[in-house]
């Protein structure tokens, strides 16, 4: 009987936590829906800023990756062309 009571309490507590997390998601969604039209009226396009930032980050990542590949080639003595590797 005692175990059944603990199981019921645990079930109710778990459902309560799920309800709170659902309410948190709904609250954040409502805040975004309310703020977005005002932000657009003020000329702030959040999506465009995020896209341009993402493009800048990707370009920086590609450049860094390219530099790493070149330094690895220089250290290993291999030249990578397409899908083939040719030893110097």
Protein backbone atom coordinates (compact mmCIF):
# COMPACT_ATOMS: atom_id res chain seq x y z
CA UNK A 1 0.00 0.00 0.00
CA UNK A 2 2.83 2.34 0.90
CA UNK A 3 4.57 1.61 -2.44
CA UNK A 4 1.35 2.35 -4.34
CA UNK A 5 1.08 5.72 -2.59
CA UNK A 6 4.69 6.57 -3.50
CA UNK A 7 4.06 5.56 -7.12
CA UNK A 8 0.99 7.79 -7.33
CA UNK A 9 2.91 10.72 -5.81
CA UNK A 10 5.77 10.16 -8.29
CA UNK A 11 3.31 10.03 -11.19
CA UNK A 12 1.64 13.28 -10.12
CA UNK A 13 5.04 14.96 -9.63
CA UNK A 14 6.20 13.82 -13.08
CA UNK A 15 3.03 15.09 -14.72
CA UNK A 16 3.43 18.40 -12.88
CA UNK A 17 6.99 18.79 -14.20
CA UNK A 18 5.82 18.00 -17.74
CA UNK A 19 3.05 20.57 -17.36
CA UNK A 20 5.55 23.20 -16.19
CA UNK A 21 7.89 22.55 -19.13
CA UNK A 22 4.97 22.75 -21.55
CA UNK A 23 3.87 26.04 -20.01
CA UNK A 24 7.43 27.37 -20.34
CA UNK A 25 7.47 26.54 -24.07
CA UNK A 26 4.05 28.16 -24.53
CA UNK A 27 5.14 31.26 -22.64
CA UNK A 28 8.29 31.69 -24.75
CA UNK A 29 6.27 31.15 -27.94
CA UNK A 30 3.74 33.78 -26.90
CA UNK A 31 6.47 36.28 -26.05
CA UNK A 32 8.08 35.77 -29.46
CA UNK A 33 4.73 36.10 -31.23
CA UNK A 34 3.97 39.31 -29.36
CA UNK A 35 7.40 40.90 -29.84
CA UNK A 36 7.98 39.98 -33.52
CA UNK A 37 5.48 42.46 -35.08
CA UNK A 38 6.84 45.35 -33.00
CA UNK A 39 10.40 44.44 -33.92
CA UNK A 40 9.50 44.45 -37.63
CA UNK A 41 7.80 47.85 -37.36
CA UNK A 42 10.98 49.27 -35.86
CA UNK A 43 12.96 47.92 -38.81
CA UNK A 44 14.61 45.10 -36.93
CA UNK A 45 14.47 41.94 -38.97
CA UNK A 46 15.69 39.26 -36.61
CA UNK A 47 15.71 36.55 -39.28
CA UNK A 48 17.92 38.55 -41.67
CA UNK A 49 20.41 39.30 -38.90
CA UNK A 50 20.57 35.65 -37.92
CA UNK A 51 21.07 34.57 -41.55
CA UNK A 52 23.86 37.08 -42.17
CA UNK A 53 25.58 36.10 -38.92
CA UNK A 54 25.31 32.43 -39.91
CA UNK A 55 26.84 33.19 -43.33
CA UNK A 56 29.74 35.05 -41.72
CA UNK A 57 30.34 32.19 -39.30
CA UNK A 58 30.27 29.62 -42.12
CA UNK A 59 32.73 31.64 -44.22
CA UNK A 60 35.05 31.95 -41.23
CA UNK A 61 34.76 28.19 -40.59
CA UNK A 62 35.50 27.35 -44.25
CA UNK A 63 38.54 29.62 -44.23
CA UNK A 64 39.83 28.08 -41.00
CA UNK A 65 39.22 24.58 -42.35
CA UNK A 66 41.02 25.41 -45.59
CA UNK A 67 44.02 26.75 -43.67
CA UNK A 68 44.12 23.62 -41.50
CA UNK A 69 44.07 21.37 -44.58
CA UNK A 70 46.90 23.34 -46.19
CA UNK A 71 49.03 23.14 -43.05
CA UNK A 72 48.40 19.39 -42.78
CA UNK A 73 49.44 18.95 -46.42
CA UNK A 74 52.62 20.91 -45.81
CA UNK A 75 53.48 18.78 -42.77
CA UNK A 76 52.68 15.41 -44.35
CA UNK A 77 54.26 16.10 -47.75
CA UNK A 78 51.09 15.15 -49.62
CA UNK A 79 49.21 17.19 -52.18
CA UNK A 80 45.49 16.54 -52.26
CA UNK A 81 43.80 17.07 -55.63
CA UNK A 82 40.14 16.16 -55.86
CA UNK A 83 39.60 12.64 -54.57
CA UNK A 84 43.19 11.54 -55.23
CA UNK A 85 46.30 11.85 -53.07
CA UNK A 86 49.66 12.28 -54.73
CA UNK A 87 52.91 12.09 -52.77
CA UNK A 88 55.46 14.80 -53.64
